[in-house]
Amino acid sequence: MKYDNRKTDYEKMLIIKEYCETGIDRRGINEKFKLRGDSSLLYWIRKFVDPNTKRVIDVKGRKIDLPASQGKESLEEEVKRLRRELELEKLRSEGLEIMIDIAEKEFKIPIRKKPEAKQ
């Protein structure tokens, strides 16, 4: 079994969150995430968890918002948010297309790549 010890701080915080929420023992977490050694998790907890507030903080002392466990309500909110983002992105794309059309007409230069162009 190969162990990868290169985890980002965010990945470490997610592992800590799972350890605290699921109740899996350290050995189970080590096997699940292929951590090297038994002390990695304890070191990360000392590094990222504030002992007074029991909240996860980053190395600069800022509180980190980790993804909460997904409930039905939060998934519906996520879908609504993604639909709004999609609609805005469609409007943006349409605006860019119009802008390219106008620029091609005014400056009389082809901006879009021809479909038969070789790369």
N, C-alpha and C. Protein backbone atom coordinates (compact mmCIF):
# COMPACT_ATOMS: atom_id res chain seq x y z
N MET A 1 0.86 -1.17 0.00
CA MET A 1 0.00 0.00 0.00
C MET A 1 0.90 1.24 0.00
N LYS A 2 0.70 2.12 -0.97
CA LYS A 2 1.52 3.32 -1.06
C LYS A 2 0.84 4.47 -0.32
N TYR A 3 1.61 5.21 0.45
CA TYR A 3 1.09 6.32 1.21
C TYR A 3 1.54 7.62 0.57
N ASP A 4 0.61 8.56 0.45
CA ASP A 4 0.94 9.87 -0.12
C ASP A 4 0.85 10.88 1.01
N ASN A 5 1.99 11.45 1.37
CA ASN A 5 1.99 12.38 2.49
C ASN A 5 1.82 13.82 2.05
N ARG A 6 1.56 14.07 0.80
CA ARG A 6 1.40 15.44 0.32
C ARG A 6 -0.07 15.81 0.27
N LYS A 7 -0.58 16.35 1.34
CA LYS A 7 -1.97 16.79 1.42
C LYS A 7 -1.97 18.30 1.62
N THR A 8 -2.93 18.95 0.98
CA THR A 8 -3.06 20.39 1.20
C THR A 8 -3.67 20.63 2.56
N ASP A 9 -3.56 21.86 3.04
CA ASP A 9 -4.15 22.20 4.34
C ASP A 9 -5.66 21.95 4.32
N TYR A 10 -6.30 22.26 3.19
CA TYR A 10 -7.74 22.07 3.10
C TYR A 10 -8.09 20.58 3.20
N GLU A 11 -7.32 19.73 2.53
CA GLU A 11 -7.56 18.29 2.61
C GLU A 11 -7.37 17.80 4.04
N LYS A 12 -6.36 18.33 4.71
CA LYS A 12 -6.12 17.94 6.10
C LYS A 12 -7.31 18.32 6.98
N MET A 13 -7.86 19.52 6.74
CA MET A 13 -9.00 19.97 7.54
C MET A 13 -10.23 19.11 7.26
N LEU A 14 -10.41 18.69 6.01
CA LEU A 14 -11.54 17.80 5.71
C LEU A 14 -11.37 16.45 6.40
N ILE A 15 -10.15 15.95 6.45
CA ILE A 15 -9.90 14.68 7.14
C ILE A 15 -10.19 14.83 8.63
N ILE A 16 -9.77 15.95 9.22
CA ILE A 16 -10.06 16.21 10.64
C ILE A 16 -11.57 16.26 10.86
N LYS A 17 -12.27 16.92 9.97
CA LYS A 17 -13.73 17.05 10.09
C LYS A 17 -14.38 15.67 10.05
N GLU A 18 -13.95 14.84 9.13
CA GLU A 18 -14.51 13.49 9.04
C GLU A 18 -14.20 12.68 10.29
N TYR A 19 -13.00 12.81 10.81
CA TYR A 19 -12.61 12.11 12.03
C TYR A 19 -13.51 12.51 13.19
N CYS A 20 -13.80 13.81 13.29
CA CYS A 20 -14.63 14.29 14.41
C CYS A 20 -16.09 13.92 14.24
N GLU A 21 -16.60 13.94 13.02
CA GLU A 21 -18.03 13.73 12.81
C GLU A 21 -18.43 12.26 12.74
N THR A 22 -17.58 11.42 12.18
CA THR A 22 -17.99 10.03 11.96
C THR A 22 -17.71 9.11 13.13
N GLY A 23 -16.74 9.45 13.95
CA GLY A 23 -16.41 8.59 15.08
C GLY A 23 -15.52 7.42 14.69
N ILE A 24 -14.99 7.42 13.47
CA ILE A 24 -14.03 6.39 13.07
C ILE A 24 -12.76 6.60 13.87
N ASP A 25 -12.14 5.49 14.30
CA ASP A 25 -10.91 5.64 15.07
C ASP A 25 -9.75 6.08 14.18
N ARG A 26 -8.64 6.47 14.82
CA ARG A 26 -7.49 7.00 14.07
C ARG A 26 -6.95 5.99 13.06
N ARG A 27 -6.92 4.74 13.45
CA ARG A 27 -6.42 3.71 12.54
C ARG A 27 -7.30 3.62 11.29
N GLY A 28 -8.61 3.72 11.47
CA GLY A 28 -9.53 3.68 10.33
C GLY A 28 -9.34 4.87 9.41
N ILE A 29 -9.13 6.05 10.00
CA ILE A 29 -8.88 7.25 9.20
C ILE A 29 -7.56 7.12 8.45
N ASN A 30 -6.54 6.60 9.13
CA ASN A 30 -5.24 6.41 8.49
C ASN A 30 -5.35 5.48 7.28
N GLU A 31 -6.09 4.39 7.42
CA GLU A 31 -6.26 3.46 6.31
C GLU A 31 -7.11 4.06 5.20
N LYS A 32 -8.18 4.75 5.57
CA LYS A 32 -9.09 5.31 4.56
C LYS A 32 -8.39 6.35 3.69
N PHE A 33 -7.61 7.23 4.31
CA PHE A 33 -6.98 8.32 3.57
C PHE A 33 -5.51 8.04 3.26
N LYS A 34 -5.06 6.81 3.56
CA LYS A 34 -3.68 6.40 3.28
C LYS A 34 -2.65 7.37 3.87
N LEU A 35 -2.83 7.63 5.17
CA LEU A 35 -1.92 8.54 5.87
C LEU A 35 -0.69 7.77 6.33
N ARG A 36 0.41 8.46 6.37
CA ARG A 36 1.66 7.84 6.82
C ARG A 36 1.80 8.06 8.33
N GLY A 37 1.87 6.99 9.07
CA GLY A 37 2.10 7.08 10.51
C GLY A 37 0.84 7.41 11.29
N ASP A 38 0.89 7.07 12.58
CA ASP A 38 -0.26 7.30 13.44
C ASP A 38 -0.31 8.73 13.97
N SER A 39 0.81 9.42 13.95
CA SER A 39 0.84 10.75 14.57
C SER A 39 0.41 11.87 13.63
N SER A 40 0.26 11.61 12.33
CA SER A 40 -0.11 12.67 11.39
C SER A 40 -1.41 13.34 11.78
N LEU A 41 -2.42 12.52 12.03
CA LEU A 41 -3.74 13.07 12.37
C LEU A 41 -3.68 13.89 13.66
N LEU A 42 -2.99 13.40 14.66
CA LEU A 42 -2.89 14.14 15.92
C LEU A 42 -2.14 15.46 15.72
N TYR A 43 -1.09 15.45 14.89
CA TYR A 43 -0.35 16.67 14.60
C TYR A 43 -1.25 17.69 13.90
N TRP A 44 -2.04 17.21 12.93
CA TRP A 44 -2.94 18.12 12.21
C TRP A 44 -3.99 18.70 13.14
N ILE A 45 -4.49 17.89 14.06
CA ILE A 45 -5.51 18.39 15.00
C ILE A 45 -4.89 19.48 15.87
N ARG A 46 -3.67 19.26 16.37
CA ARG A 46 -3.02 20.31 17.16
C ARG A 46 -2.77 21.56 16.34
N LYS A 47 -2.52 21.39 15.06
CA LYS A 47 -2.20 22.53 14.19
C LYS A 47 -3.45 23.31 13.78
N PHE A 48 -4.55 22.62 13.51
CA PHE A 48 -5.71 23.27 12.89
C PHE A 48 -6.93 23.43 13.79
N VAL A 49 -6.97 22.82 14.96
CA VAL A 49 -8.15 22.93 15.82
C VAL A 49 -7.81 23.79 17.02
N ASP A 50 -8.61 24.83 17.22
CA ASP A 50 -8.44 25.70 18.38
C ASP A 50 -8.96 24.97 19.61
N PRO A 51 -8.13 24.76 20.63
CA PRO A 51 -8.59 23.98 21.79
C PRO A 51 -9.67 24.68 22.61
N ASN A 52 -9.74 25.99 22.54
CA ASN A 52 -10.75 26.71 23.33
C ASN A 52 -12.12 26.64 22.68
N THR A 53 -12.19 26.85 21.38
CA THR A 53 -13.48 26.90 20.71
C THR A 53 -13.84 25.60 20.01
N LYS A 54 -12.86 24.68 19.89
CA LYS A 54 -13.06 23.41 19.19
C LYS A 54 -13.48 23.63 17.73
N ARG A 55 -13.01 24.75 17.14
CA ARG A 55 -13.30 25.04 15.74
C ARG A 55 -12.04 24.91 14.92
N VAL A 56 -12.19 24.57 13.66
CA VAL A 56 -11.05 24.42 12.77
C VAL A 56 -10.60 25.81 12.32
N ILE A 57 -9.30 26.08 12.42
CA ILE A 57 -8.76 27.36 11.99
C ILE A 57 -7.56 27.08 11.08
N ASP A 58 -7.24 28.04 10.22
CA ASP A 58 -6.07 27.85 9.37
C ASP A 58 -4.83 28.37 10.08
N VAL A 59 -3.69 28.28 9.42
CA VAL A 59 -2.43 28.64 10.07
C VAL A 59 -2.33 30.13 10.38
N LYS A 60 -3.13 30.96 9.72
CA LYS A 60 -3.11 32.39 9.99
C LYS A 60 -4.14 32.80 11.03
N GLY A 61 -4.85 31.83 11.59
CA GLY A 61 -5.80 32.12 12.65
C GLY A 61 -7.21 32.41 12.18
N ARG A 62 -7.49 32.28 10.89
CA ARG A 62 -8.83 32.53 10.37
C ARG A 62 -9.67 31.26 10.48
N LYS A 63 -10.96 31.44 10.76
CA LYS A 63 -11.87 30.30 10.82
C LYS A 63 -12.11 29.80 9.40
N ILE A 64 -12.17 28.50 9.24
CA ILE A 64 -12.37 27.89 7.93
C ILE A 64 -13.78 27.32 7.86
N ASP A 65 -14.47 27.65 6.79
CA ASP A 65 -15.78 27.06 6.56
C ASP A 65 -15.60 25.79 5.75
N LEU A 66 -15.75 24.68 6.41
CA LEU A 66 -15.67 23.40 5.73
C LEU A 66 -17.07 23.04 5.24
N PRO A 67 -17.15 22.28 4.16
CA PRO A 67 -18.48 21.90 3.67
C PRO A 67 -19.26 21.13 4.72
N ALA A 68 -20.47 21.55 4.96
CA ALA A 68 -21.31 20.88 5.93
C ALA A 68 -21.86 19.60 5.32
N SER A 69 -22.35 18.73 6.18
CA SER A 69 -22.96 17.52 5.64
C SER A 69 -24.19 17.92 4.84
N GLN A 70 -24.35 17.33 3.70
CA GLN A 70 -25.38 17.73 2.75
C GLN A 70 -26.73 17.14 3.14
N GLY A 71 -27.68 18.00 3.46
CA GLY A 71 -29.04 17.58 3.70
C GLY A 71 -29.88 17.88 2.48
N LYS A 72 -31.13 17.50 2.49
CA LYS A 72 -31.99 17.72 1.33
C LYS A 72 -32.15 19.21 1.05
N GLU A 73 -32.30 20.02 2.11
CA GLU A 73 -32.49 21.45 1.93
C GLU A 73 -31.24 22.10 1.32
N SER A 74 -30.08 21.71 1.82
CA SER A 74 -28.86 22.32 1.31
C SER A 74 -28.61 21.92 -0.14
N LEU A 75 -29.00 20.71 -0.52
CA LEU A 75 -28.85 20.30 -1.91
C LEU A 75 -29.78 21.10 -2.82
N GLU A 76 -31.00 21.36 -2.35
CA GLU A 76 -31.92 22.17 -3.15
C GLU A 76 -31.40 23.60 -3.30
N GLU A 77 -30.83 24.14 -2.23
CA GLU A 77 -30.24 25.48 -2.31
C GLU A 77 -29.07 25.49 -3.28
N GLU A 78 -28.28 24.43 -3.26
CA GLU A 78 -27.15 24.33 -4.18
C GLU A 78 -27.62 24.29 -5.63
N VAL A 79 -28.70 23.54 -5.89
CA VAL A 79 -29.25 23.47 -7.24
C VAL A 79 -29.74 24.84 -7.69
N LYS A 80 -30.42 25.56 -6.81
CA LYS A 80 -30.90 26.90 -7.15
C LYS A 80 -29.74 27.84 -7.46
N ARG A 81 -28.70 27.77 -6.62
CA ARG A 81 -27.54 28.62 -6.83
C ARG A 81 -26.86 28.30 -8.16
N LEU A 82 -26.72 27.02 -8.46
CA LEU A 82 -26.08 26.62 -9.71
C LEU A 82 -26.91 27.02 -10.93
N ARG A 83 -28.24 26.95 -10.80
CA ARG A 83 -29.09 27.39 -11.91
C ARG A 83 -28.95 28.88 -12.16
N ARG A 84 -28.88 29.67 -11.07
CA ARG A 84 -28.67 31.11 -11.23
C ARG A 84 -27.33 31.39 -11.91
N GLU A 85 -26.29 30.68 -11.47
CA GLU A 85 -24.97 30.86 -12.08
C GLU A 85 -24.99 30.48 -13.55
N LEU A 86 -25.70 29.40 -13.89
CA LEU A 86 -25.80 28.98 -15.29
C LEU A 86 -26.50 30.04 -16.12
N GLU A 87 -27.57 30.60 -15.61
CA GLU A 87 -28.31 31.63 -16.34
C GLU A 87 -27.42 32.86 -16.56
N LEU A 88 -26.69 33.27 -15.53
CA LEU A 88 -25.79 34.41 -15.68
C LEU A 88 -24.68 34.12 -16.69
N GLU A 89 -24.18 32.90 -16.67
CA GLU A 89 -23.12 32.53 -17.60
C GLU A 89 -23.64 32.50 -19.04
N LYS A 90 -24.89 32.07 -19.23
CA LYS A 90 -25.49 32.09 -20.57
C LYS A 90 -25.61 33.53 -21.07
N LEU A 91 -26.06 34.44 -20.19
CA LEU A 91 -26.17 35.85 -20.57
C LEU A 91 -24.80 36.42 -20.91
N ARG A 92 -23.80 36.07 -20.13
CA ARG A 92 -22.44 36.54 -20.39
C ARG A 92 -21.94 36.05 -21.73
N SER A 93 -22.17 34.77 -22.01
CA SER A 93 -21.74 34.18 -23.27
C SER A 93 -22.42 34.85 -24.45
N GLU A 94 -23.71 35.10 -24.32
CA GLU A 94 -24.46 35.77 -25.38
C GLU A 94 -23.92 37.19 -25.60
N GLY A 95 -23.62 37.89 -24.52
CA GLY A 95 -23.05 39.23 -24.64
C GLY A 95 -21.70 39.22 -25.33
N LEU A 96 -20.87 38.24 -25.02
CA LEU A 96 -19.56 38.14 -25.68
C LEU A 96 -19.72 37.84 -27.17
N GLU A 97 -20.67 36.98 -27.52
CA GLU A 97 -20.92 36.67 -28.93
C GLU A 97 -21.33 37.93 -29.70
N ILE A 98 -22.21 38.72 -29.10
CA ILE A 98 -22.65 39.96 -29.75
C ILE A 98 -21.49 40.93 -29.89
N MET A 99 -20.67 41.01 -28.87
CA MET A 99 -19.51 41.90 -28.91
C MET A 99 -18.53 41.48 -30.01
N ILE A 100 -18.31 40.20 -30.18
CA ILE A 100 -17.42 39.71 -31.23
C ILE A 100 -18.02 40.01 -32.61
N ASP A 101 -19.34 39.81 -32.76
CA ASP A 101 -19.98 40.12 -34.04
C ASP A 101 -19.80 41.59 -34.40
N ILE A 102 -20.02 42.47 -33.45
CA ILE A 102 -19.88 43.91 -33.70
C ILE A 102 -18.43 44.25 -34.06
N ALA A 103 -17.47 43.67 -33.32
CA ALA A 103 -16.06 43.96 -33.59
C ALA A 103 -15.66 43.46 -34.98
N GLU A 104 -16.16 42.30 -35.39
CA GLU A 104 -15.84 41.78 -36.71
C GLU A 104 -16.40 42.68 -37.81
N LYS A 105 -17.60 43.20 -37.61
CA LYS A 105 -18.21 44.09 -38.63
C LYS A 105 -17.48 45.43 -38.70
N GLU A 106 -17.20 46.02 -37.53
CA GLU A 106 -16.60 47.36 -37.52
C GLU A 106 -15.15 47.35 -37.99
N PHE A 107 -14.37 46.39 -37.54
CA PHE A 107 -12.95 46.39 -37.87
C PHE A 107 -12.61 45.53 -39.09
N LYS A 108 -13.61 44.81 -39.59
CA LYS A 108 -13.48 43.96 -40.78
C LYS A 108 -12.29 43.00 -40.66
N ILE A 109 -12.20 42.36 -39.50
CA ILE A 109 -11.18 41.32 -39.30
C ILE A 109 -11.87 40.10 -38.67
N PRO A 110 -11.46 38.92 -39.11
CA PRO A 110 -12.07 37.72 -38.50
C PRO A 110 -11.47 37.46 -37.11
N ILE A 111 -12.33 37.37 -36.13
CA ILE A 111 -11.88 37.12 -34.77
C ILE A 111 -12.04 35.64 -34.43
N ARG A 112 -13.14 35.06 -34.85
CA ARG A 112 -13.38 33.64 -34.57
C ARG A 112 -12.49 32.78 -35.45
N LYS A 113 -12.09 31.67 -34.92
CA LYS A 113 -11.24 30.75 -35.65
C LYS A 113 -12.10 29.98 -36.66
N LYS A 114 -11.59 29.77 -37.83
CA LYS A 114 -12.31 29.04 -38.85
C LYS A 114 -12.35 27.56 -38.47
N PRO A 115 -13.48 26.89 -38.75
CA PRO A 115 -13.59 25.47 -38.35
C PRO A 115 -12.59 24.58 -39.08
N GLU A 116 -12.17 24.93 -40.30
CA GLU A 116 -11.23 24.10 -41.03
C GLU A 116 -9.78 24.45 -40.77
N ALA A 117 -9.52 25.38 -39.88
CA ALA A 117 -8.15 25.76 -39.58
C ALA A 117 -7.40 24.63 -38.91
N LYS A 118 -6.15 24.42 -39.33
CA LYS A 118 -5.33 23.38 -38.74
C LYS A 118 -4.48 23.96 -37.63
N GLN A 119 -4.23 23.14 -36.63
CA GLN A 119 -3.43 23.61 -35.49
C GLN A 119 -2.06 23.01 -35.50
